[in-house]
Structures are given as C-alpha cells and as structure tokens.
Protein backbone atom coordinates (compact mmCIF):
# COMPACT_ATOMS: atom_id res chain seq x y z
CA MET A 1 113.02 121.02 70.59
CA GLU A 2 113.13 124.81 70.37
CA VAL A 3 113.59 126.08 66.80
CA GLY A 4 116.42 128.40 67.88
CA VAL A 5 118.26 125.58 69.63
CA ARG A 6 117.83 123.35 66.59
CA LEU A 7 119.33 126.03 64.33
CA VAL A 8 122.22 126.62 66.73
CA GLY A 9 122.85 122.88 66.84
CA ILE A 10 122.92 122.66 63.04
CA LEU A 11 125.26 125.67 62.87
CA LEU A 12 127.65 124.16 65.45
CA ARG A 13 127.73 120.84 63.60
CA PHE A 14 128.50 122.69 60.37
CA LEU A 15 131.24 124.74 62.06
CA ASN A 16 132.70 121.62 63.60
CA PHE A 17 132.77 119.92 60.18
CA ILE A 18 134.42 122.95 58.53
CA LEU A 19 136.89 123.83 61.31
CA THR A 20 138.04 120.37 62.37
CA PRO A 21 140.69 120.15 59.59
CA LEU A 22 141.97 123.61 60.53
CA PHE A 23 142.29 122.68 64.18
CA TRP A 24 144.02 119.45 63.16
CA LEU A 25 146.59 121.42 61.15
CA LYS A 26 147.02 123.77 64.08
CA SER A 27 147.70 120.97 66.56
CA HIS A 28 148.92 118.00 64.50
CA LYS A 29 152.46 118.17 65.90
CA ARG A 30 152.32 116.35 69.20
CA THR A 31 154.51 117.46 72.10
CA CYS A 32 153.94 116.72 75.77
CA VAL A 33 155.47 117.45 79.17
CA PRO A 34 158.69 115.70 80.26
CA PRO A 35 158.16 112.12 81.47
CA VAL A 36 157.77 111.23 85.15
CA THR A 37 161.01 109.71 86.43
CA GLU A 38 160.59 109.88 90.22
CA PRO A 39 158.64 106.85 91.61
CA MET A 40 157.31 108.87 94.54
CA LEU A 41 155.26 110.99 92.12
CA PHE A 42 153.19 107.96 91.11
CA LYS A 43 151.78 107.58 94.61
CA GLY A 44 148.36 108.87 95.60
CA ALA A 45 147.47 111.10 98.53
CA ALA A 46 146.37 108.21 100.77
CA ASP A 47 149.61 106.31 100.20
CA LEU A 48 151.71 109.42 100.82
CA ALA A 49 149.83 110.22 104.03
CA ARG A 50 150.33 106.67 105.32
CA GLU A 51 154.05 106.60 104.51
CA ILE A 52 154.63 110.02 106.06
CA ARG A 53 152.93 109.12 109.35
CA ASN A 54 154.76 105.76 109.43
CA GLY A 55 158.09 107.50 109.05
CA GLU A 56 158.91 105.80 105.73
CA ILE A 57 159.30 109.16 104.01
CA THR A 58 159.21 112.73 105.26
CA SER A 59 156.84 115.51 104.32
CA THR A 60 159.88 117.59 103.40
CA GLN A 61 160.96 114.98 100.86
CA VAL A 62 157.49 114.83 99.30
CA VAL A 63 156.99 118.59 99.18
CA THR A 64 160.48 119.10 97.73
CA MET A 65 159.86 116.48 95.05
CA TYR A 66 156.56 118.06 94.00
CA ILE A 67 158.02 121.56 93.88
CA LYS A 68 160.78 120.22 91.63
CA ARG A 69 158.24 118.55 89.34
CA ILE A 70 156.05 121.67 89.15
CA LYS A 71 159.05 123.75 88.16
CA GLU A 72 159.90 121.16 85.51
CA VAL A 73 156.47 121.03 83.84
CA ASN A 74 154.98 124.48 84.36
CA PRO A 75 157.01 126.11 81.54
CA TYR A 76 155.16 123.70 79.25
CA LEU A 77 151.75 124.03 80.94
CA ASN A 78 151.42 127.62 82.18
CA ALA A 79 149.18 126.35 84.99
CA VAL A 80 150.62 128.13 88.04
CA VAL A 81 149.28 131.57 88.94
CA GLU A 82 151.18 132.05 92.22
CA ASP A 83 153.15 129.69 94.48
CA ARG A 84 154.09 129.49 98.16
CA TYR A 85 157.00 127.05 97.94
CA ARG A 86 159.07 128.57 100.73
CA ALA A 87 156.14 128.57 103.16
CA ALA A 88 155.22 125.03 102.13
CA LEU A 89 158.73 123.75 102.89
CA TYR A 90 158.67 125.48 106.26
CA GLU A 91 155.34 123.79 107.07
CA ALA A 92 156.66 120.42 105.86
CA ARG A 93 159.71 120.62 108.13
CA ALA A 94 157.48 121.57 111.07
CA CYS A 95 155.25 118.62 110.24
CA ASP A 96 158.22 116.24 110.25
CA VAL A 97 159.32 117.49 113.67
CA GLN A 98 155.78 117.02 114.97
CA ILE A 99 155.56 113.46 113.64
CA LYS A 100 158.99 112.50 114.97
CA GLU A 101 158.08 113.76 118.44
CA ALA A 102 154.71 111.99 118.37
CA MET A 103 156.42 108.72 117.41
CA ARG A 104 158.87 109.12 120.28
CA LEU A 105 156.02 109.68 122.72
CA GLY A 106 153.79 107.00 121.22
CA THR A 107 151.04 109.49 120.39
CA ILE A 108 151.17 109.30 116.61
CA GLU A 109 147.66 107.79 116.38
CA ASP A 110 146.24 110.70 118.34
CA LEU A 111 148.10 113.16 116.10
CA VAL A 112 146.82 111.75 112.81
CA LYS A 113 143.29 110.92 113.99
CA ASN A 114 142.00 114.32 112.92
CA LYS A 115 144.76 114.96 110.39
CA PRO A 116 144.44 112.17 107.83
CA LEU A 117 146.35 114.22 105.23
CA LEU A 118 149.19 115.27 107.52
CA GLY A 119 152.21 116.38 105.51
CA VAL A 120 150.70 115.77 102.05
CA PRO A 121 151.03 118.65 99.55
CA PHE A 122 148.13 119.77 97.36
CA THR A 123 147.18 122.49 94.89
CA VAL A 124 144.21 124.85 94.74
CA LYS A 125 142.13 126.24 91.91
CA GLU A 126 142.51 130.02 92.22
CA SER A 127 138.76 130.60 92.51
CA CYS A 128 138.60 128.44 95.67
CA SER A 129 140.74 131.01 97.56
CA LEU A 130 144.03 130.32 99.32
CA GLY A 131 144.78 133.03 101.87
CA GLY A 132 147.57 135.42 100.88
CA LEU A 133 147.76 134.25 97.26
CA SER A 134 146.31 135.59 94.04
CA ASN A 135 142.53 135.85 93.84
CA SER A 136 142.20 137.69 90.54
CA VAL A 137 140.56 134.68 88.80
CA GLY A 138 141.84 135.71 85.39
CA CYS A 139 140.42 139.25 85.31
CA LEU A 140 142.59 142.14 84.22
CA GLU A 141 140.82 144.56 86.54
CA ASN A 142 141.58 142.29 89.52
CA ALA A 143 145.31 142.01 88.85
CA GLY A 144 147.24 141.89 92.12
CA ARG A 145 144.22 141.06 94.28
CA LYS A 146 144.96 138.58 97.07
CA ALA A 147 142.65 136.25 98.98
CA THR A 148 142.23 137.53 102.53
CA ALA A 149 141.44 134.06 103.88
CA ASP A 150 141.20 130.44 102.82
CA GLY A 151 137.99 129.30 101.18
CA ALA A 152 135.94 127.06 103.50
CA ALA A 153 136.87 123.81 101.73
CA VAL A 154 140.56 124.77 101.51
CA ALA A 155 140.52 125.49 105.26
CA LEU A 156 139.13 122.02 105.97
CA VAL A 157 141.87 120.39 103.91
CA ARG A 158 144.56 122.40 105.69
CA ASP A 159 143.01 121.48 109.05
CA ALA A 160 143.45 117.85 107.98
CA GLY A 161 147.21 118.50 107.81
CA ALA A 162 147.71 118.98 104.06
CA ILE A 163 150.12 121.62 102.76
CA PRO A 164 149.09 123.93 99.87
CA LEU A 165 151.69 124.65 97.21
CA LEU A 166 150.03 127.11 94.82
CA VAL A 167 146.91 128.45 93.11
CA SER A 168 146.28 127.50 89.49
CA ASN A 169 144.91 129.09 86.35
CA THR A 170 141.23 129.46 85.36
CA PRO A 171 139.21 131.26 82.68
CA GLU A 172 137.90 134.71 83.62
CA LEU A 173 135.72 134.21 86.70
CA CYS A 174 135.58 130.50 85.76
CA LEU A 175 133.17 131.36 82.95
CA GLY A 176 134.54 129.12 80.23
CA TRP A 177 135.47 125.56 79.28
CA GLU A 178 139.01 126.34 78.15
CA THR A 179 141.52 127.66 80.65
CA THR A 180 142.61 130.93 79.09
CA ASN A 181 142.39 134.60 80.02
CA LEU A 182 144.09 137.90 79.24
CA LEU A 183 145.81 138.17 82.62
CA THR A 184 147.68 134.89 83.03
CA GLY A 185 147.36 133.39 79.55
CA THR A 186 146.50 129.92 78.28
CA THR A 187 147.08 126.61 80.02
CA ASN A 188 148.09 123.60 77.90
CA ASN A 189 147.14 119.94 78.01
CA PRO A 190 150.10 117.89 79.31
CA TYR A 191 149.43 115.06 76.84
CA TRP A 192 149.41 117.35 73.81
CA LEU A 193 150.48 120.92 74.46
CA SER A 194 148.60 122.43 71.52
CA LYS A 195 145.34 121.13 72.99
CA THR A 196 143.29 122.41 75.90
CA PRO A 197 143.05 120.85 79.37
CA GLY A 198 139.46 122.11 79.49
CA GLY A 199 138.01 124.47 82.05
CA SER A 200 137.41 125.97 84.35
CA SER A 201 139.63 123.74 86.54
CA GLY A 202 142.10 123.27 83.70
CA GLY A 203 145.13 124.41 85.68
CA GLU A 204 144.47 121.79 88.32
CA ALA A 205 143.80 118.99 85.83
CA ALA A 206 146.99 119.79 83.90
CA LEU A 207 149.12 119.70 87.06
CA LEU A 208 147.52 116.50 88.33
CA ALA A 209 147.94 114.67 85.01
CA SER A 210 151.59 115.78 84.88
CA ALA A 211 152.23 114.22 88.33
CA ALA A 212 152.85 117.73 89.64
CA SER A 213 150.18 117.51 92.36
CA PRO A 214 148.78 114.61 94.41
CA PHE A 215 145.30 116.13 94.68
CA SER A 216 143.35 119.30 94.16
CA VAL A 217 140.61 121.47 95.63
CA SER A 218 138.51 122.59 92.66
CA SER A 219 134.97 123.66 91.80
CA ASP A 220 132.23 122.74 89.33
CA ILE A 221 129.19 124.74 88.22
CA ALA A 222 128.75 123.48 84.65
CA GLY A 223 131.30 120.71 84.24
CA SER A 224 134.26 122.71 85.57
CA ILE A 225 135.78 119.71 87.38
CA ARG A 226 134.57 116.96 85.08
CA VAL A 227 135.49 118.36 81.65
CA PRO A 228 139.14 119.04 82.66
CA ALA A 229 139.32 115.66 84.42
CA ALA A 230 138.09 114.00 81.22
CA PHE A 231 140.47 115.95 78.97
CA CYS A 232 143.45 115.21 81.22
CA GLY A 233 142.68 111.65 82.27
CA VAL A 234 142.37 112.12 86.04
CA TYR A 235 139.59 111.56 88.57
CA GLY A 236 137.23 114.38 89.46
CA HIS A 237 134.06 114.39 91.51
CA LYS A 238 131.19 116.88 91.59
CA PRO A 239 129.53 116.12 94.94
CA THR A 240 125.89 116.33 95.87
CA PRO A 241 125.31 120.09 96.39
CA GLY A 242 125.17 121.43 99.92
CA ILE A 243 127.63 118.88 101.32
CA ILE A 244 130.96 120.68 100.85
CA PRO A 245 130.97 124.36 101.88
CA ILE A 246 131.44 126.88 99.06
CA GLU A 247 132.13 129.99 101.15
CA GLY A 248 135.09 131.94 99.80
CA HIS A 249 134.60 130.87 96.21
CA ILE A 250 135.02 133.52 93.50
CA PRO A 251 132.60 134.31 91.95
CA THR A 252 129.70 133.91 94.37
CA LEU A 253 126.14 134.83 93.38
CA SER A 254 123.27 135.88 95.62
CA ASP A 255 120.73 133.80 93.70
CA GLU A 256 119.21 131.00 95.79
CA GLN A 257 119.91 128.48 93.01
CA PHE A 258 123.65 129.20 92.98
CA PRO A 259 124.60 126.90 95.91
CA LYS A 260 122.55 124.17 94.26
CA PHE A 261 124.54 124.45 91.03
CA LEU A 262 128.07 125.26 92.30
CA THR A 263 129.95 122.60 94.20
CA VAL A 264 133.52 122.51 95.46
CA GLY A 265 135.07 119.08 95.08
CA PRO A 266 138.23 116.97 94.81
CA MET A 267 140.36 115.96 91.85
CA ALA A 268 143.03 113.27 92.10
CA ARG A 269 145.11 110.77 90.10
CA LYS A 270 143.97 107.79 92.18
CA ALA A 271 140.33 106.77 92.59
CA GLU A 272 140.99 105.52 96.12
CA ASP A 273 141.84 109.08 97.18
CA LEU A 274 138.37 110.46 96.39
CA PRO A 275 136.50 109.07 99.45
CA LEU A 276 139.25 110.30 101.78
CA LEU A 277 139.26 113.76 100.21
CA LEU A 278 135.49 114.00 100.11
CA ASN A 279 135.25 113.05 103.78
CA VAL A 280 137.75 115.76 104.68
CA MET A 281 136.14 118.46 102.52
CA ALA A 282 132.63 117.62 103.74
CA GLY A 283 133.58 118.43 107.34
CA GLU A 284 130.57 118.15 109.64
CA ASN A 285 128.41 116.98 106.71
CA ARG A 286 130.44 113.85 106.03
CA HIS A 287 127.90 111.64 107.82
CA VAL A 288 125.31 112.43 105.13
CA LEU A 289 127.28 110.55 102.46
CA ASN A 290 128.20 107.41 104.47
CA LEU A 291 131.42 107.14 102.49
CA ASP A 292 132.89 104.61 104.91
CA GLU A 293 130.04 102.18 104.24
CA PRO A 294 131.33 99.42 101.92
CA VAL A 295 129.86 99.12 98.43
CA ASN A 296 129.55 95.72 96.80
CA ILE A 297 129.74 96.02 93.01
CA GLU A 298 127.41 93.01 92.75
CA ASP A 299 124.69 95.10 94.40
CA ILE A 300 124.97 97.93 91.85
CA GLU A 301 122.59 98.40 88.92
CA VAL A 302 124.26 100.03 85.92
CA PHE A 303 122.31 102.24 83.53
CA TYR A 304 124.14 103.60 80.51
CA MET A 305 123.80 105.93 77.54
CA THR A 306 126.44 106.52 74.89
CA GLU A 307 124.93 109.89 73.93
CA ALA A 308 121.84 112.03 74.49
CA MET A 309 118.91 110.60 72.58
CA ASP A 310 117.58 112.39 69.49
CA SER A 311 119.28 115.71 70.23
CA ILE A 312 120.48 117.53 67.13
CA ALA A 313 121.69 120.36 69.38
CA LEU A 314 124.47 118.17 70.80
CA ILE A 315 127.54 117.22 68.79
CA LYS A 316 127.96 113.57 67.90
CA VAL A 317 129.87 111.70 70.59
CA ASP A 318 133.17 110.32 69.25
CA LYS A 319 133.28 106.57 68.75
CA CYS A 320 136.14 106.20 71.23
CA ILE A 321 133.94 107.65 73.99
CA GLN A 322 130.94 105.54 73.06
CA ASP A 323 133.13 102.43 72.95
CA ALA A 324 134.56 103.31 76.38
CA VAL A 325 131.06 103.48 77.90
CA LEU A 326 130.14 100.10 76.40
CA GLU A 327 133.41 98.49 77.49
CA ALA A 328 132.88 99.79 81.04
CA VAL A 329 129.35 98.36 81.10
CA GLN A 330 130.60 94.97 79.93
CA TYR A 331 133.39 94.97 82.50
CA LEU A 332 131.05 95.90 85.40
CA SER A 333 128.68 93.17 84.24
CA ARG A 334 131.51 90.65 84.47
CA CYS A 335 132.19 91.95 87.98
CA GLY A 336 128.64 91.02 88.96
CA ALA A 337 126.78 94.30 88.53
CA THR A 338 123.27 94.23 87.06
CA VAL A 339 122.92 96.05 83.75
CA SER A 340 119.69 97.88 82.82
CA GLU A 341 118.77 98.79 79.27
CA GLU A 342 116.40 101.57 80.39
CA LYS A 343 117.32 105.04 79.08
CA PHE A 344 116.58 108.57 80.29
CA LYS A 345 114.90 110.13 77.29
CA GLY A 346 114.54 113.46 79.10
CA LEU A 347 118.26 114.08 78.62
CA GLU A 348 117.54 114.91 74.98
CA ASP A 349 116.35 118.28 76.37
CA SER A 350 119.73 118.89 78.07
CA VAL A 351 120.42 122.06 76.08
CA GLU A 352 117.09 123.76 76.75
CA ILE A 353 116.99 122.72 80.40
CA SER A 354 120.58 123.72 81.13
CA ILE A 355 120.57 127.07 79.32
CA SER A 356 117.11 128.15 80.50
CA VAL A 357 117.58 127.26 84.15
CA PHE A 358 121.24 128.30 84.48
CA PHE A 359 120.75 131.72 82.91
CA SER A 360 117.66 132.39 84.98
CA MET A 361 120.00 133.11 87.91
CA LYS A 362 120.41 136.72 88.89
CA ASP A 363 123.76 138.42 89.43
CA ILE A 364 125.62 136.35 86.83
CA PRO A 365 128.85 138.32 86.26
CA ASN A 366 128.47 140.72 83.35
CA MET A 367 131.48 140.10 81.11
CA LEU A 368 130.67 143.31 79.22
CA GLN A 369 130.81 145.58 82.24
CA ASP A 370 133.44 148.27 81.76
CA PRO A 371 136.13 147.74 84.45
CA ALA A 372 136.83 151.47 84.44
CA ASP A 373 133.16 152.44 84.74
CA PRO A 374 130.91 149.71 86.28
CA LYS A 375 127.79 151.62 85.20
CA ARG A 376 128.76 151.31 81.56
CA GLU A 377 128.33 148.19 79.42
CA LYS A 378 130.59 147.63 76.45
CA ASN A 379 129.30 146.64 73.04
CA LEU A 380 129.59 142.87 72.62
CA PHE A 381 130.23 142.79 68.88
CA LEU A 382 132.70 145.67 69.01
CA GLU A 383 134.65 143.82 71.72
CA ILE A 384 134.66 140.66 69.59
CA LEU A 385 136.07 142.63 66.66
CA LYS A 386 138.79 144.06 68.92
CA CYS A 387 139.94 140.61 70.09
CA PRO A 388 142.29 139.81 67.17
CA ILE A 389 144.25 143.03 67.69
CA GLY A 390 144.43 142.70 71.48
CA GLY A 391 142.14 145.63 72.23
CA ALA A 392 139.37 143.79 74.06
CA SER A 393 139.07 143.78 77.85
CA ARG A 394 137.99 140.12 77.83
CA SER A 395 139.17 137.01 76.06
CA LEU A 396 137.16 135.72 73.12
CA GLN A 397 135.99 132.88 75.35
CA GLY A 398 134.73 135.34 77.97
CA LEU A 399 132.89 137.26 75.26
CA SER A 400 131.37 134.05 73.93
CA PHE A 401 129.93 133.41 77.38
CA ALA A 402 128.39 136.87 77.25
CA LEU A 403 126.94 136.02 73.84
CA ILE A 404 125.29 132.87 75.21
CA GLU A 405 123.94 134.83 78.19
CA LYS A 406 122.53 137.56 75.96
CA THR A 407 120.92 135.25 73.41
CA ARG A 408 120.14 132.25 75.66
CA LEU A 409 120.46 130.33 72.38
CA PHE A 410 117.19 131.99 71.36
CA ILE A 411 115.20 130.11 73.99
CA PRO A 412 112.45 132.56 75.09
CA LYS A 413 112.58 133.70 78.72
CA SER A 414 108.88 132.94 78.82
CA LYS A 415 109.77 129.24 78.61
CA THR A 416 111.96 129.30 81.75
CA ASP A 417 109.29 127.94 84.09
CA PHE A 418 108.44 125.25 81.53
CA TYR A 419 112.03 124.01 81.49
CA LYS A 420 112.40 124.34 85.25
CA ASP A 421 109.42 122.01 85.52
CA LYS A 422 111.04 119.62 83.03
CA ALA A 423 114.22 119.69 85.10
CA ASP A 424 112.30 118.86 88.28
CA LYS A 425 110.54 115.95 86.60
CA LEU A 426 113.79 114.63 85.11
CA ARG A 427 115.54 114.87 88.47
CA THR A 428 112.69 112.99 90.12
CA GLU A 429 112.75 110.30 87.42
CA ILE A 430 116.53 109.77 87.55
CA THR A 431 116.57 109.82 91.36
CA ARG A 432 113.75 107.28 91.56
CA ARG A 433 115.21 104.91 88.99
CA LEU A 434 118.79 105.06 90.28
CA GLY A 435 117.70 104.88 93.90
CA ALA A 436 120.22 103.69 96.47
CA ARG A 437 122.03 101.22 94.19
CA GLY A 438 122.02 102.61 90.65
CA VAL A 439 124.57 104.55 88.60
CA LEU A 440 124.38 106.02 85.10
CA LEU A 441 127.43 105.75 82.84
CA TYR A 442 127.43 108.67 80.39
CA PRO A 443 129.93 110.65 78.29
CA ALA A 444 131.66 113.54 80.06
CA HIS A 445 132.04 115.34 76.72
CA GLY A 446 131.51 114.69 73.04
CA GLY A 447 135.15 113.80 72.53
CA ALA A 448 138.69 113.83 73.84
CA ALA A 449 140.60 117.08 74.35
CA HIS A 450 140.43 119.42 71.36
CA ALA A 451 142.79 122.10 70.09
CA HIS A 452 142.94 125.52 71.75
CA GLY A 453 139.96 127.48 70.48
CA GLY A 454 138.05 124.33 69.60
CA VAL A 455 135.56 125.11 72.35
CA PHE A 456 133.64 127.30 69.91
CA PRO A 457 132.51 124.66 67.39
CA ARG A 458 132.44 121.98 70.12
CA ALA A 459 130.73 124.07 72.80
CA SER A 460 127.70 121.81 73.05
CA GLY A 461 129.95 119.03 74.36
CA VAL A 462 129.68 120.56 77.83
CA LEU A 463 125.95 119.81 77.78
CA TYR A 464 126.92 116.28 78.81
CA THR A 465 128.06 117.60 82.21
CA MET A 466 126.04 120.79 82.78
CA PRO A 467 122.61 119.11 83.21
CA PHE A 468 123.78 117.32 86.34
CA ASN A 469 124.58 120.66 88.01
CA ILE A 470 121.05 121.78 87.20
CA LEU A 471 119.63 118.47 88.48
CA GLY A 472 121.75 118.48 91.64
CA LEU A 473 123.13 114.97 91.10
CA PRO A 474 126.60 113.79 92.12
CA ALA A 475 128.86 112.86 89.22
CA ALA A 476 132.42 111.57 88.91
CA VAL A 477 134.76 111.26 85.94
CA ALA A 478 137.02 108.23 85.53
CA PRO A 479 139.74 107.61 82.90
CA LEU A 480 139.61 104.36 80.96
CA ALA A 481 142.29 104.51 78.30
CA LEU A 482 144.52 106.58 76.06
CA ARG A 483 143.28 107.11 72.52
CA ARG A 484 146.17 106.31 70.18
CA ASP A 485 144.78 106.46 66.65
CA LEU A 486 146.17 109.02 64.23
CA ARG A 487 149.33 109.44 66.38
CA ARG A 488 147.18 110.62 69.27
CA ALA A 489 147.64 109.78 72.91
CA LEU A 490 144.77 111.54 74.63
CA PRO A 491 142.80 110.31 77.65
CA VAL A 492 139.39 108.71 77.13
CA CYS A 493 137.05 109.06 80.10
CA LEU A 494 133.43 108.64 81.11
CA GLN A 495 131.06 110.08 83.67
CA ILE A 496 129.42 108.21 86.56
CA ILE A 497 126.17 109.71 87.92
CA ALA A 498 124.19 108.68 91.00
CA ALA A 499 121.15 109.85 92.95
CA PRO A 500 121.54 112.66 95.53
CA ASN A 501 123.73 111.71 98.52
CA GLN A 502 124.74 108.45 96.81
CA ASP A 503 128.20 109.78 96.00
CA ARG A 504 129.78 106.62 97.39
CA LEU A 505 128.34 104.67 94.45
CA CYS A 506 130.12 106.99 91.98
CA LEU A 507 133.39 106.57 93.84
CA ALA A 508 133.04 102.78 94.19
CA VAL A 509 132.43 102.37 90.45
CA ALA A 510 135.36 104.69 89.68
CA LYS A 511 137.57 102.52 91.90
CA GLN A 512 136.36 99.34 90.20
CA LEU A 513 137.01 100.80 86.76
CA GLU A 514 140.50 101.81 87.89
CA MET A 515 141.15 98.18 88.82
CA GLY A 516 139.88 96.99 85.45
CA PHE A 517 141.32 99.62 83.09
CA GLY A 518 144.37 100.98 84.91
CA GLY A 519 143.22 104.53 85.65
CA TRP A 520 145.53 107.50 85.13
CA ARG A 521 148.43 107.07 82.72
CA PRO A 522 151.30 109.59 82.67
CA PRO A 523 151.99 111.66 79.54
CA GLN A 524 154.90 110.18 77.61
C-alpha cells in the first residue's frame, strides 16, 4: 500500500473517531417525511403500466397522485430542481384518450407493444437532461441554463410511453457523494432529515424512497446511483458500460475512458422493475444482456466479502452491513445457490486503483476555475477558508473534490500505469471467477446514511462502489432491512456485482432478496 494512502487512511479513521460524536449531536433528533397513505403509491412501475393499459386506473390518476405526493414531501427533502407538472398532466390525459380509443378498436396490444411504460410517470436526475428543464447541475455560473433536448436514455424512456415529472438535485457537476450545492441547496434523507441521501443521484433516491416517484433515470460514475440507493433503501443498478447511451449527460468528458466509467441506469422501489427499465433504456443494445432469459437461483454461485481485505485506507464496515451480507448469503444458500468462500484479495488496493485510474482522465471539470474568467484558477485553500462566510464559488464538497484531484491522495502519477495494470488483472480475475453464473455480494458503503457533512471523515466509504466503475462491472444495490438500534431507522443495503454483460444475474439476485427480506420500506 502506498505510504501516502496509508497516512490518509489513518487520518480519516482518526477524524471519523473524533467527529462521530459531533455528527451524532447534530443529527440525533430524528424527523422524517410524512407517511405514505395512498395505496397506489406502493405500486411499482410494471404494476402501474399493466393497470393503466388494462383500464383499471388512468394515467391521469397516477400522475395526479404523484404530483400531490411530491408537493407533500419536497418541502422536507429539497429534491426538486424544476418541475413540468402541467405538461405531464396534459400528456397523461392524452395517453388516457389514446388507450381508451385503442381498447374500443381492439388494438391495445399493438399500442403497448413498443410502449411498455405507457402512462407511467418518472423523474430524472438533472444531469441526465430533460429537454426544456434546468440543466445547471448545481453550478452557480450555469443558473438558468436549460437542456435543449432530452438525454439519449431519457428519450428512450419517453419513447416507451413514460411521462417525466421533474429534474432533481445533484452536487455540482455530480462531483460529490452528498447532494448539496450553492445553487439549489442540500437534499435531505427521507428517513432522517438531518442525514444525507448520498450523491450524486441523491435527489432521485430521496424522491423514490418517499414514494414520490415510481422510477428514475440516473447516472453513476463512482457510486452515484449505488450510494444514494443504499442510503435511501431503494434499488439502483449500474449497468455494464456501453449498453445504455450516455449522450446528453452533463458533464461529459472527451477522455476515451469516460464512457467506460460513466453509466446511465435505472433506480426503482421494486426489484421487478429493473429488468423492464434496463430493457427500455438499453434500446437497440438490449439483446446483449438477455434480460428476458430466466435465471434459476439454484444455478447461481455466490461469492461474498464483508469488507475489503487488509485495507487500512478504507473505513471499517459497520456491523449492520457486514451482518446483512452474511444473512443474504445464508438466505441464498437456503434457496439453493452455491456459496463460494473464495475472496478477491485485489480489492484491498481499491483506493490506489480507483484514485490513480479515475484521475488519469483528461478534461475532468476544474472546480477551481473562475466562472468569471475561465483562464484563471482560484486558490484552493483560500476558497476553503471563504466557505464558512459564504464567499466561495463552490461548496465545501466541491472543493474537497478539487483537493483529491490535486493531491491524488499522494499517489505518484508515475504509478498510474502500474495501477492500470492492476485494475486490468483484477477485472480479468473477477470476470473469470464469476463467469456466467457468479455474483459477488459486497458492501455498498462502510455504513448507513450519515449526517450532512459526514462525507468528509467517511469519504473512503465510496471506495466500495468506485472500483466497479473502473473495472467496468455491472453492480446493483438491494435493501435488506431498516437499522433500528439507537432510535435509528435507516436502510441497510448491499451491493451485487457480476461479470460484464451478466446484469441479469444482479437483477435476479436482487429480486430474490426482495422476496426474502421485503425490499423497500417506507419512511415512518
């Protein structure tokens, strides 16, 4: 392990030990969003789509109900950046007329054949671009900027008949693991408002967990779907890269590695919705994943790790997360899956591999660039000092990203090729050992959702998700329980990793775990 990384790891563990009591005092009073009282809001996207096309409910009813719920919970969450409620209701009424006419003519099957999400509302992470709505992605200098067109994945979902309601909050340019910025503020966790929903898809995760959205179009470059899904107790999937189009995403880099690291993907409250959504968002590439091919749990081999081995740079994984991994393994074993005790020792180098390879990309947004003069770079430490008095042009989180980029955690640039080679070997090893029937159960973070600002001492927790962007492996997050000790009621989740293009294994295991553990539970 690099000496600099070791020292950073020791420092973070010390900070976590010192600051944990302060964060507890800051967030000990638990408040959450209002309870869900409308039964329709408990239904998933697939169920809603089926009931709408069968005439059991109307799209107008569903869209109206979700708009009402969003308006009820957003004052608590601060997740909505900009809405299109009026347009959504217009589209819902048009959809209902279309369905009614198709039923009269007996052509409803033809209508829904290519529109499996007809009439179902959804929400969009602002960075994924929804035409006509805000596209500032949390940056002061971009205030008022609108998306000129839908992002490619959003367009596919709309082509499938779904109706977008809004765009949701992110960190500045998605460069952070808490959803906060100086333009639209901080988003709260629906289970405990003084805690974070994670980032960068925190707005989407907060809405989903509050039953204020059936499903989401989000993105993940370093855990940006999976960390919020884990903190908010919903399902999120980072697909195999190159399957779902990323055109229209903000930011977009010119580096050839960028489309290997960034993926657009679905988030939902029901595991059964993920294959449907992934098929829709994959478009012409859906055949690569064979999502309609049945998966027998008895044919699956389960590998598991409760934490990275021998890595002082990573924070200790909370016992509730480790227990959740072990309980999931035991349950899958009872379902007939084969359990392997083999471990992937190479994951102990997650920090060095992730930081070295990720920050070797060119054109990473410079968070210190002066918005008024792009040729000028602001002083990092001066900006940090200005944060407490509101004089900085970036949030403290945005500046911390700049600090990591500048220092690379003291890993020499000369070692980049060395760690790229390690990444290639680790990817080959995991791909070979998982094959066409294996999954790895692994923490999605070192713990459950932490207090706002807790990302700083607990930053290394994201190194449980980030390596799988670097390795190009599909990974899903599934909720298992609510942690209730010490008056807490926070979701406990785990991560499910498979070999490239074996996304269906992740989704099948997520579905099985939902059957065994109950899946999403509403805040109450």
